[in-house]
PDB file of N, CA and C in Angstrom:
ATOM      1  N   MET A   1      -0.366  30.578  27.274  1.00  0.00           N
ATOM      2  CA  MET A   1      -0.647  31.503  26.183  1.00  0.00           C
ATOM      3  C   MET A   1       0.459  32.562  26.126  1.00  0.00           C
ATOM      4  N   ASN A   2       1.008  32.779  24.966  1.00  0.00           N
ATOM      5  CA  ASN A   2       2.091  33.722  24.775  1.00  0.00           C
ATOM      6  C   ASN A   2       1.519  35.105  24.444  1.00  0.00           C
ATOM      7  N   THR A   3       1.442  35.970  25.457  1.00  0.00           N
ATOM      8  CA  THR A   3       0.913  37.314  25.248  1.00  0.00           C
ATOM      9  C   THR A   3       2.053  38.270  24.913  1.00  0.00           C
ATOM     10  N   LEU A   4       1.711  39.490  24.570  1.00  0.00           N
ATOM     11  CA  LEU A   4       2.736  40.488  24.293  1.00  0.00           C
ATOM     12  C   LEU A   4       3.593  40.760  25.525  1.00  0.00           C
ATOM     13  N   LEU A   5       3.011  40.604  26.719  1.00  0.00           N
ATOM     14  CA  LEU A   5       3.773  40.794  27.947  1.00  0.00           C
ATOM     15  C   LEU A   5       4.905  39.775  28.082  1.00  0.00           C
ATOM     16  N   ASP A   6       4.718  38.610  27.508  1.00  0.00           N
ATOM     17  CA  ASP A   6       5.706  37.536  27.593  1.00  0.00           C
ATOM     18  C   ASP A   6       6.800  37.644  26.535  1.00  0.00           C
ATOM     19  N   GLN A   7       6.614  38.533  25.564  1.00  0.00           N
ATOM     20  CA  GLN A   7       7.561  38.623  24.452  1.00  0.00           C
ATOM     21  C   GLN A   7       8.585  39.727  24.686  1.00  0.00           C
ATOM     22  N   HIS A   8       9.663  39.684  23.918  1.00  0.00           N
ATOM     23  CA  HIS A   8      10.698  40.706  23.979  1.00  0.00           C
ATOM     24  C   HIS A   8      10.957  41.238  22.570  1.00  0.00           C
ATOM     25  N   CYS A   9      11.413  42.473  22.519  1.00  0.00           N
ATOM     26  CA  CYS A   9      11.683  43.114  21.237  1.00  0.00           C
ATOM     27  C   CYS A   9      12.825  42.417  20.520  1.00  0.00           C
ATOM     28  N   ARG A  10      12.736  42.443  19.184  1.00  0.00           N
ATOM     29  CA  ARG A  10      13.748  41.827  18.331  1.00  0.00           C
ATOM     30  C   ARG A  10      14.289  42.865  17.361  1.00  0.00           C
ATOM     31  N   ASN A  11      15.572  42.784  17.090  1.00  0.00           N
ATOM     32  CA  ASN A  11      16.194  43.722  16.154  1.00  0.00           C
ATOM     33  C   ASN A  11      15.719  43.526  14.720  1.00  0.00           C
ATOM     34  N   ASP A  12      15.244  42.331  14.410  1.00  0.00           N
ATOM     35  CA  ASP A  12      14.838  42.030  13.037  1.00  0.00           C
ATOM     36  C   ASP A  12      13.325  42.060  12.844  1.00  0.00           C
ATOM     37  N   ALA A  13      12.627  42.818  13.677  1.00  0.00           N
ATOM     38  CA  ALA A  13      11.161  42.869  13.590  1.00  0.00           C
ATOM     39  C   ALA A  13      10.717  43.460  12.246  1.00  0.00           C
ATOM     40  N   ALA A  14       9.763  42.787  11.631  1.00  0.00           N
ATOM     41  CA  ALA A  14       9.248  43.217  10.327  1.00  0.00           C
ATOM     42  C   ALA A  14       8.171  44.284  10.492  1.00  0.00           C
ATOM     43  N   THR A  15       8.075  45.148   9.514  1.00  0.00           N
ATOM     44  CA  THR A  15       7.025  46.167   9.501  1.00  0.00           C
ATOM     45  C   THR A  15       5.667  45.481   9.391  1.00  0.00           C
ATOM     46  N   LEU A  16       4.717  45.951  10.189  1.00  0.00           N
ATOM     47  CA  LEU A  16       3.365  45.375  10.189  1.00  0.00           C
ATOM     48  C   LEU A  16       2.524  45.964   9.065  1.00  0.00           C
ATOM     49  N   SER A  17       1.594  45.176   8.571  1.00  0.00           N
ATOM     50  CA  SER A  17       0.614  45.679   7.598  1.00  0.00           C
ATOM     51  C   SER A  17      -0.394  46.544   8.335  1.00  0.00           C
ATOM     52  N   ASP A  18      -1.197  47.277   7.582  1.00  0.00           N
ATOM     53  CA  ASP A  18      -2.255  48.088   8.196  1.00  0.00           C
ATOM     54  C   ASP A  18      -3.253  47.211   8.941  1.00  0.00           C
ATOM     55  N   ALA A  19      -3.560  46.049   8.395  1.00  0.00           N
ATOM     56  CA  ALA A  19      -4.511  45.133   9.045  1.00  0.00           C
ATOM     57  C   ALA A  19      -3.941  44.593  10.347  1.00  0.00           C
ATOM     58  N   GLU A  20      -2.666  44.200  10.330  1.00  0.00           N
ATOM     59  CA  GLU A  20      -2.017  43.711  11.553  1.00  0.00           C
ATOM     60  C   GLU A  20      -1.954  44.803  12.609  1.00  0.00           C
ATOM     61  N   THR A  21      -1.633  46.018  12.170  1.00  0.00           N
ATOM     62  CA  THR A  21      -1.564  47.156  13.091  1.00  0.00           C
ATOM     63  C   THR A  21      -2.922  47.420  13.722  1.00  0.00           C
ATOM     64  N   ALA A  22      -3.975  47.422  12.915  1.00  0.00           N
ATOM     65  CA  ALA A  22      -5.330  47.669  13.432  1.00  0.00           C
ATOM     66  C   ALA A  22      -5.735  46.597  14.428  1.00  0.00           C
ATOM     67  N   GLN A  23      -5.424  45.360  14.135  1.00  0.00           N
ATOM     68  CA  GLN A  23      -5.764  44.254  15.032  1.00  0.00           C
ATOM     69  C   GLN A  23      -5.052  44.397  16.375  1.00  0.00           C
ATOM     70  N   LEU A  24      -3.772  44.710  16.348  1.00  0.00           N
ATOM     71  CA  LEU A  24      -3.018  44.878  17.589  1.00  0.00           C
ATOM     72  C   LEU A  24      -3.459  46.122  18.355  1.00  0.00           C
ATOM     73  N   LEU A  25      -3.763  47.176  17.634  1.00  0.00           N
ATOM     74  CA  LEU A  25      -4.210  48.411  18.281  1.00  0.00           C
ATOM     75  C   LEU A  25      -5.519  48.190  19.033  1.00  0.00           C
ATOM     76  N   ASN A  26      -6.360  47.324  18.517  1.00  0.00           N
ATOM     77  CA  ASN A  26      -7.626  47.011  19.183  1.00  0.00           C
ATOM     78  C   ASN A  26      -7.434  46.290  20.512  1.00  0.00           C
ATOM     79  N   THR A  27      -6.259  45.747  20.753  1.00  0.00           N
ATOM     80  CA  THR A  27      -5.988  45.054  22.021  1.00  0.00           C
ATOM     81  C   THR A  27      -5.500  46.010  23.104  1.00  0.00           C
ATOM     82  N   LEU A  28      -5.213  47.259  22.730  1.00  0.00           N
ATOM     83  CA  LEU A  28      -4.672  48.242  23.667  1.00  0.00           C
ATOM     84  C   LEU A  28      -5.706  49.315  23.981  1.00  0.00           C
ATOM     85  N   GLU A  29      -5.795  49.675  25.246  1.00  0.00           N
ATOM     86  CA  GLU A  29      -6.751  50.704  25.658  1.00  0.00           C
ATOM     87  C   GLU A  29      -6.074  52.077  25.655  1.00  0.00           C
ATOM     88  N   GLY A  30      -6.678  53.009  24.925  1.00  0.00           N
ATOM     89  CA  GLY A  30      -6.206  54.389  24.944  1.00  0.00           C
ATOM     90  C   GLY A  30      -5.098  54.726  23.970  1.00  0.00           C
ATOM     91  N   TRP A  31      -4.567  53.749  23.270  1.00  0.00           N
ATOM     92  CA  TRP A  31      -3.511  53.997  22.289  1.00  0.00           C
ATOM     93  C   TRP A  31      -4.144  54.377  20.964  1.00  0.00           C
ATOM     94  N   GLN A  32      -3.492  55.293  20.256  1.00  0.00           N
ATOM     95  CA  GLN A  32      -3.974  55.739  18.952  1.00  0.00           C
ATOM     96  C   GLN A  32      -2.838  55.683  17.944  1.00  0.00           C
ATOM     97  N   ARG A  33      -3.225  55.465  16.705  1.00  0.00           N
ATOM     98  CA  ARG A  33      -2.233  55.475  15.630  1.00  0.00           C
ATOM     99  C   ARG A  33      -2.192  56.862  15.014  1.00  0.00           C
ATOM    100  N   GLN A  34      -0.979  57.319  14.741  1.00  0.00           N
ATOM    101  CA  GLN A  34      -0.787  58.567  14.004  1.00  0.00           C
ATOM    102  C   GLN A  34       0.356  58.345  13.029  1.00  0.00           C
ATOM    103  N   ASP A  35       0.020  58.257  11.777  1.00  0.00           N
ATOM    104  CA  ASP A  35       0.997  57.989  10.725  1.00  0.00           C
ATOM    105  C   ASP A  35       1.736  56.673  11.005  1.00  0.00           C
ATOM    106  N   LEU A  36       3.037  56.729  11.221  1.00  0.00           N
ATOM    107  CA  LEU A  36       3.848  55.521  11.412  1.00  0.00           C
ATOM    108  C   LEU A  36       4.181  55.276  12.874  1.00  0.00           C
ATOM    109  N   ALA A  37       3.305  55.761  13.769  1.00  0.00           N
ATOM    110  CA  ALA A  37       3.557  55.634  15.205  1.00  0.00           C
ATOM    111  C   ALA A  37       2.252  55.372  15.947  1.00  0.00           C
ATOM    112  N   ILE A  38       2.395  54.901  17.191  1.00  0.00           N
ATOM    113  CA  ILE A  38       1.267  54.807  18.113  1.00  0.00           C
ATOM    114  C   ILE A  38       1.624  55.629  19.341  1.00  0.00           C
ATOM    115  N   HIS A  39       0.601  56.219  19.973  1.00  0.00           N
ATOM    116  CA  HIS A  39       0.865  57.052  21.140  1.00  0.00           C
ATOM    117  C   HIS A  39      -0.282  56.971  22.143  1.00  0.00           C
ATOM    118  N   LYS A  40       0.067  57.311  23.381  1.00  0.00           N
ATOM    119  CA  LYS A  40      -0.908  57.369  24.472  1.00  0.00           C
ATOM    120  C   LYS A  40      -0.415  58.393  25.486  1.00  0.00           C
ATOM    121  N   THR A  41      -1.357  59.143  26.049  1.00  0.00           N
ATOM    122  CA  THR A  41      -1.025  60.079  27.118  1.00  0.00           C
ATOM    123  C   THR A  41      -1.506  59.500  28.441  1.00  0.00           C
ATOM    124  N   TYR A  42      -0.566  59.361  29.356  1.00  0.00           N
ATOM    125  CA  TYR A  42      -0.862  58.884  30.709  1.00  0.00           C
ATOM    126  C   TYR A  42      -0.970  60.104  31.619  1.00  0.00           C
ATOM    127  N   ARG A  43      -1.966  60.108  32.500  1.00  0.00           N
ATOM    128  CA  ARG A  43      -2.177  61.232  33.419  1.00  0.00           C
ATOM    129  C   ARG A  43      -1.924  60.780  34.854  1.00  0.00           C
ATOM    130  N   PHE A  44      -1.367  61.711  35.649  1.00  0.00           N
ATOM    131  CA  PHE A  44      -0.984  61.403  37.021  1.00  0.00           C
ATOM    132  C   PHE A  44      -1.443  62.516  37.960  1.00  0.00           C
ATOM    133  N   ALA A  45      -1.413  62.240  39.250  1.00  0.00           N
ATOM    134  CA  ALA A  45      -1.871  63.192  40.256  1.00  0.00           C
ATOM    135  C   ALA A  45      -0.880  64.334  40.462  1.00  0.00           C
ATOM    136  N   ASP A  46       0.405  64.068  40.220  1.00  0.00           N
ATOM    137  CA  ASP A  46       1.410  65.093  40.483  1.00  0.00           C
ATOM    138  C   ASP A  46       2.700  64.778  39.729  1.00  0.00           C
ATOM    139  N   TYR A  47       3.645  65.684  39.855  1.00  0.00           N
ATOM    140  CA  TYR A  47       4.915  65.568  39.149  1.00  0.00           C
ATOM    141  C   TYR A  47       5.711  64.350  39.609  1.00  0.00           C
ATOM    142  N   TYR A  48       5.703  64.086  40.897  1.00  0.00           N
ATOM    143  CA  TYR A  48       6.444  62.940  41.437  1.00  0.00           C
ATOM    144  C   TYR A  48       5.998  61.646  40.757  1.00  0.00           C
ATOM    145  N   ARG A  49       4.701  61.425  40.649  1.00  0.00           N
ATOM    146  CA  ARG A  49       4.187  60.198  40.025  1.00  0.00           C
ATOM    147  C   ARG A  49       4.488  60.171  38.524  1.00  0.00           C
ATOM    148  N   THR A  50       4.443  61.332  37.898  1.00  0.00           N
ATOM    149  CA  THR A  50       4.784  61.409  36.480  1.00  0.00           C
ATOM    150  C   THR A  50       6.231  60.975  36.255  1.00  0.00           C
ATOM    151  N   ILE A  51       7.136  61.516  37.048  1.00  0.00           N
ATOM    152  CA  ILE A  51       8.553  61.195  36.888  1.00  0.00           C
ATOM    153  C   ILE A  51       8.841  59.750  37.269  1.00  0.00           C
ATOM    154  N   ALA A  52       8.137  59.217  38.254  1.00  0.00           N
ATOM    155  CA  ALA A  52       8.302  57.794  38.592  1.00  0.00           C
ATOM    156  C   ALA A  52       7.937  56.932  37.390  1.00  0.00           C
ATOM    157  N   PHE A  53       6.862  57.288  36.691  1.00  0.00           N
ATOM    158  CA  PHE A  53       6.464  56.566  35.481  1.00  0.00           C
ATOM    159  C   PHE A  53       7.530  56.720  34.396  1.00  0.00           C
ATOM    160  N   VAL A  54       8.039  57.919  34.204  1.00  0.00           N
ATOM    161  CA  VAL A  54       9.076  58.160  33.201  1.00  0.00           C
ATOM    162  C   VAL A  54      10.307  57.296  33.496  1.00  0.00           C
ATOM    163  N   ASN A  55      10.685  57.219  34.749  1.00  0.00           N
ATOM    164  CA  ASN A  55      11.831  56.375  35.123  1.00  0.00           C
ATOM    165  C   ASN A  55      11.553  54.900  34.854  1.00  0.00           C
ATOM    166  N   ALA A  56      10.333  54.464  35.101  1.00  0.00           N
ATOM    167  CA  ALA A  56       9.966  53.074  34.814  1.00  0.00           C
ATOM    168  C   ALA A  56      10.004  52.808  33.309  1.00  0.00           C
ATOM    169  N   ILE A  57       9.538  53.754  32.522  1.00  0.00           N
ATOM    170  CA  ILE A  57       9.593  53.624  31.057  1.00  0.00           C
ATOM    171  C   ILE A  57      11.052  53.567  30.600  1.00  0.00           C
ATOM    172  N   ALA A  58      11.912  54.376  31.218  1.00  0.00           N
ATOM    173  CA  ALA A  58      13.335  54.353  30.861  1.00  0.00           C
ATOM    174  C   ALA A  58      13.933  52.977  31.142  1.00  0.00           C
ATOM    175  N   TRP A  59      13.587  52.384  32.267  1.00  0.00           N
ATOM    176  CA  TRP A  59      14.072  51.043  32.604  1.00  0.00           C
ATOM    177  C   TRP A  59      13.571  50.022  31.586  1.00  0.00           C
ATOM    178  N   LEU A  60      12.277  50.088  31.274  1.00  0.00           N
ATOM    179  CA  LEU A  60      11.675  49.186  30.293  1.00  0.00           C
ATOM    180  C   LEU A  60      12.353  49.349  28.932  1.00  0.00           C
ATOM    181  N   SER A  61      12.585  50.577  28.532  1.00  0.00           N
ATOM    182  CA  SER A  61      13.211  50.855  27.234  1.00  0.00           C
ATOM    183  C   SER A  61      14.616  50.276  27.168  1.00  0.00           C
ATOM    184  N   HIS A  62      15.349  50.425  28.236  1.00  0.00           N
ATOM    185  CA  HIS A  62      16.702  49.876  28.281  1.00  0.00           C
ATOM    186  C   HIS A  62      16.663  48.349  28.196  1.00  0.00           C
ATOM    187  N   ARG A  63      15.753  47.753  28.947  1.00  0.00           N
ATOM    188  CA  ARG A  63      15.644  46.292  28.973  1.00  0.00           C
ATOM    189  C   ARG A  63      15.261  45.728  27.602  1.00  0.00           C
ATOM    190  N   GLU A  64      14.342  46.398  26.917  1.00  0.00           N
ATOM    191  CA  GLU A  64      13.865  45.921  25.614  1.00  0.00           C
ATOM    192  C   GLU A  64      14.694  46.464  24.445  1.00  0.00           C
ATOM    193  N   ASP A  65      15.558  47.422  24.704  1.00  0.00           N
ATOM    194  CA  ASP A  65      16.335  48.100  23.663  1.00  0.00           C
ATOM    195  C   ASP A  65      15.411  48.658  22.572  1.00  0.00           C
ATOM    196  N   HIS A  66      14.340  49.281  23.048  1.00  0.00           N
ATOM    197  CA  HIS A  66      13.371  49.919  22.145  1.00  0.00           C
ATOM    198  C   HIS A  66      12.867  51.168  22.858  1.00  0.00           C
ATOM    199  N   HIS A  67      13.154  52.323  22.297  1.00  0.00           N
ATOM    200  CA  HIS A  67      13.006  53.576  23.025  1.00  0.00           C
ATOM    201  C   HIS A  67      11.915  54.469  22.435  1.00  0.00           C
ATOM    202  N   PRO A  68      10.974  54.901  23.280  1.00  0.00           N
ATOM    203  CA  PRO A  68       9.905  55.764  22.805  1.00  0.00           C
ATOM    204  C   PRO A  68      10.327  57.232  22.841  1.00  0.00           C
ATOM    205  N   ASP A  69       9.538  58.050  22.184  1.00  0.00           N
ATOM    206  CA  ASP A  69       9.621  59.493  22.384  1.00  0.00           C
ATOM    207  C   ASP A  69       8.691  59.806  23.549  1.00  0.00           C
ATOM    208  N   LEU A  70       9.151  60.649  24.462  1.00  0.00           N
ATOM    209  CA  LEU A  70       8.362  61.028  25.629  1.00  0.00           C
ATOM    210  C   LEU A  70       8.188  62.543  25.655  1.00  0.00           C
ATOM    211  N   VAL A  71       6.966  62.966  25.958  1.00  0.00           N
ATOM    212  CA  VAL A  71       6.686  64.375  26.214  1.00  0.00           C
ATOM    213  C   VAL A  71       6.157  64.434  27.639  1.00  0.00           C
ATOM    214  N   VAL A  72       6.934  65.077  28.511  1.00  0.00           N
ATOM    215  CA  VAL A  72       6.651  65.065  29.941  1.00  0.00           C
ATOM    216  C   VAL A  72       6.212  66.442  30.406  1.00  0.00           C
ATOM    217  N   SER A  73       5.129  66.480  31.186  1.00  0.00           N
ATOM    218  CA  SER A  73       4.701  67.717  31.836  1.00  0.00           C
ATOM    219  C   SER A  73       4.412  67.407  33.301  1.00  0.00           C
ATOM    220  N   TYR A  74       3.904  68.361  34.021  1.00  0.00           N
ATOM    221  CA  TYR A  74       3.689  68.215  35.465  1.00  0.00           C
ATOM    222  C   TYR A  74       2.913  66.948  35.816  1.00  0.00           C
ATOM    223  N   ASN A  75       1.798  66.723  35.133  1.00  0.00           N
ATOM    224  CA  ASN A  75       0.937  65.596  35.510  1.00  0.00           C
ATOM    225  C   ASN A  75       0.585  64.676  34.347  1.00  0.00           C
ATOM    226  N   SER A  76       1.441  64.649  33.333  1.00  0.00           N
ATOM    227  CA  SER A  76       1.172  63.732  32.224  1.00  0.00           C
ATOM    228  C   SER A  76       2.455  63.386  31.480  1.00  0.00           C
ATOM    229  N   CYS A  77       2.365  62.285  30.770  1.00  0.00           N
ATOM    230  CA  CYS A  77       3.469  61.846  29.914  1.00  0.00           C
ATOM    231  C   CYS A  77       2.863  61.220  28.671  1.00  0.00           C
ATOM    232  N   ARG A  78       3.209  61.778  27.529  1.00  0.00           N
ATOM    233  CA  ARG A  78       2.786  61.200  26.252  1.00  0.00           C
ATOM    234  C   ARG A  78       3.912  60.290  25.764  1.00  0.00           C
ATOM    235  N   VAL A  79       3.551  59.037  25.495  1.00  0.00           N
ATOM    236  CA  VAL A  79       4.506  58.024  25.049  1.00  0.00           C
ATOM    237  C   VAL A  79       4.201  57.707  23.589  1.00  0.00           C
ATOM    238  N   THR A  80       5.219  57.775  22.743  1.00  0.00           N
ATOM    239  CA  THR A  80       5.055  57.489  21.319  1.00  0.00           C
ATOM    240  C   THR A  80       6.070  56.429  20.910  1.00  0.00           C
ATOM    241  N   TYR A  81       5.554  55.367  20.309  1.00  0.00           N
ATOM    242  CA  TYR A  81       6.420  54.297  19.796  1.00  0.00           C
ATOM    243  C   TYR A  81       6.335  54.229  18.279  1.00  0.00           C
ATOM    244  N   THR A  82       7.491  54.023  17.666  1.00  0.00           N
ATOM    245  CA  THR A  82       7.631  53.684  16.264  1.00  0.00           C
ATOM    246  C   THR A  82       8.959  52.945  16.141  1.00  0.00           C
ATOM    247  N   THR A  83       9.136  52.209  15.073  1.00  0.00           N
ATOM    248  CA  THR A  83      10.412  51.520  14.868  1.00  0.00           C
ATOM    249  C   THR A  83      11.120  52.211  13.710  1.00  0.00           C
ATOM    250  N   HIS A  84      12.054  53.070  14.063  1.00  0.00           N
ATOM    251  CA  HIS A  84      12.748  53.873  13.048  1.00  0.00           C
ATOM    252  C   HIS A  84      13.467  53.000  12.023  1.00  0.00           C
ATOM    253  N   ALA A  85      14.100  51.936  12.485  1.00  0.00           N
ATOM    254  CA  ALA A  85      14.856  51.066  11.569  1.00  0.00           C
ATOM    255  C   ALA A  85      13.948  50.428  10.521  1.00  0.00           C
ATOM    256  N   ALA A  86      12.706  50.159  10.883  1.00  0.00           N
ATOM    257  CA  ALA A  86      11.754  49.546   9.952  1.00  0.00           C
ATOM    258  C   ALA A  86      10.925  50.599   9.221  1.00  0.00           C
ATOM    259  N   GLN A  87      11.104  51.847   9.584  1.00  0.00           N
ATOM    260  CA  GLN A  87      10.349  52.960   9.006  1.00  0.00           C
ATOM    261  C   GLN A  87       8.848  52.724   9.107  1.00  0.00           C
ATOM    262  N   GLY A  88       8.421  52.297  10.291  1.00  0.00           N
ATOM    263  CA  GLY A  88       7.005  52.053  10.524  1.00  0.00           C
ATOM    264  C   GLY A  88       6.789  51.333  11.836  1.00  0.00           C
ATOM    265  N   LEU A  89       5.645  50.731  11.953  1.00  0.00           N
ATOM    266  CA  LEU A  89       5.283  50.007  13.164  1.00  0.00           C
ATOM    267  C   LEU A  89       5.658  48.539  13.059  1.00  0.00           C
ATOM    268  N   THR A  90       6.185  48.004  14.150  1.00  0.00           N
ATOM    269  CA  THR A  90       6.514  46.587  14.236  1.00  0.00           C
ATOM    270  C   THR A  90       5.897  46.029  15.517  1.00  0.00           C
ATOM    271  N   LEU A  91       6.018  44.748  15.689  1.00  0.00           N
ATOM    272  CA  LEU A  91       5.530  44.116  16.907  1.00  0.00           C
ATOM    273  C   LEU A  91       6.230  44.705  18.132  1.00  0.00           C
ATOM    274  N   ASN A  92       7.473  45.154  17.976  1.00  0.00           N
ATOM    275  CA  ASN A  92       8.199  45.769  19.090  1.00  0.00           C
ATOM    276  C   ASN A  92       7.418  46.918  19.716  1.00  0.00           C
ATOM    277  N   ASP A  93       6.783  47.732  18.887  1.00  0.00           N
ATOM    278  CA  ASP A  93       6.024  48.880  19.389  1.00  0.00           C
ATOM    279  C   ASP A  93       4.852  48.433  20.257  1.00  0.00           C
ATOM    280  N   PHE A  94       4.215  47.374  19.858  1.00  0.00           N
ATOM    281  CA  PHE A  94       3.055  46.876  20.606  1.00  0.00           C
ATOM    282  C   PHE A  94       3.467  46.109  21.855  1.00  0.00           C
ATOM    283  N   ILE A  95       4.600  45.442  21.794  1.00  0.00           N
ATOM    284  CA  ILE A  95       5.140  44.788  22.993  1.00  0.00           C
ATOM    285  C   ILE A  95       5.418  45.849  24.057  1.00  0.00           C
ATOM    286  N   CYS A  96       6.089  46.902  23.666  1.00  0.00           N
ATOM    287  CA  CYS A  96       6.439  47.951  24.639  1.00  0.00           C
ATOM    288  C   CYS A  96       5.222  48.737  25.107  1.00  0.00           C
ATOM    289  N   ALA A  97       4.259  48.968  24.231  1.00  0.00           N
ATOM    290  CA  ALA A  97       3.024  49.643  24.647  1.00  0.00           C
ATOM    291  C   ALA A  97       2.285  48.805  25.683  1.00  0.00           C
ATOM    292  N   THR A  98       2.231  47.521  25.466  1.00  0.00           N
ATOM    293  CA  THR A  98       1.578  46.620  26.415  1.00  0.00           C
ATOM    294  C   THR A  98       2.302  46.636  27.754  1.00  0.00           C
ATOM    295  N   LYS A  99       3.627  46.618  27.707  1.00  0.00           N
ATOM    296  CA  LYS A  99       4.410  46.622  28.943  1.00  0.00           C
ATOM    297  C   LYS A  99       4.311  47.969  29.651  1.00  0.00           C
ATOM    298  N   ALA A 100       4.201  49.062  28.905  1.00  0.00           N
ATOM    299  CA  ALA A 100       4.004  50.383  29.516  1.00  0.00           C
ATOM    300  C   ALA A 100       2.683  50.404  30.279  1.00  0.00           C
ATOM    301  N   ASP A 101       1.636  49.901  29.657  1.00  0.00           N
ATOM    302  CA  ASP A 101       0.329  49.834  30.345  1.00  0.00           C
ATOM    303  C   ASP A 101       0.413  48.975  31.602  1.00  0.00           C
ATOM    304  N   ALA A 102       1.155  47.891  31.536  1.00  0.00           N
ATOM    305  CA  ALA A 102       1.265  46.964  32.673  1.00  0.00           C
ATOM    306  C   ALA A 102       1.982  47.607  33.864  1.00  0.00           C
ATOM    307  N   LEU A 103       2.790  48.639  33.611  1.00  0.00           N
ATOM    308  CA  LEU A 103       3.441  49.326  34.714  1.00  0.00           C
ATOM    309  C   LEU A 103       2.429  49.936  35.679  1.00  0.00           C
ATOM    310  N   LEU A 104       1.262  50.262  35.167  1.00  0.00           N
ATOM    311  CA  LEU A 104       0.237  50.923  35.984  1.00  0.00           C
ATOM    312  C   LEU A 104      -0.912  49.995  36.357  1.00  0.00           C
ATOM    313  N   ALA A 105      -0.790  48.729  36.009  1.00  0.00           N
ATOM    314  CA  ALA A 105      -1.882  47.776  36.304  1.00  0.00           C
ATOM    315  C   ALA A 105      -1.888  47.372  37.762  1.00  0.00           C
TER     316      ALA A 105
END
């Protein structure tokens, strides 16, 4: 079975419809849609664990060539994905959201 974890981001990803976005969002725990983006706040016990997660997200972003906006504080990191080139949400955003969640599985 080809899950989002098995897929990689593509430069030519098409913008998703609202129905496609809603369906994919239902597969993710804790992610919310806001306008043309999806976001989730991850919470940690301390700054060290927060930064370790941020570094893992940076590695993932480099590997997939798809970069989120991050808001980092002592014990949390808010991750926001959107596809600027498509001016909306694409499968790339959901692939990376799934892989971000898998970092903590």
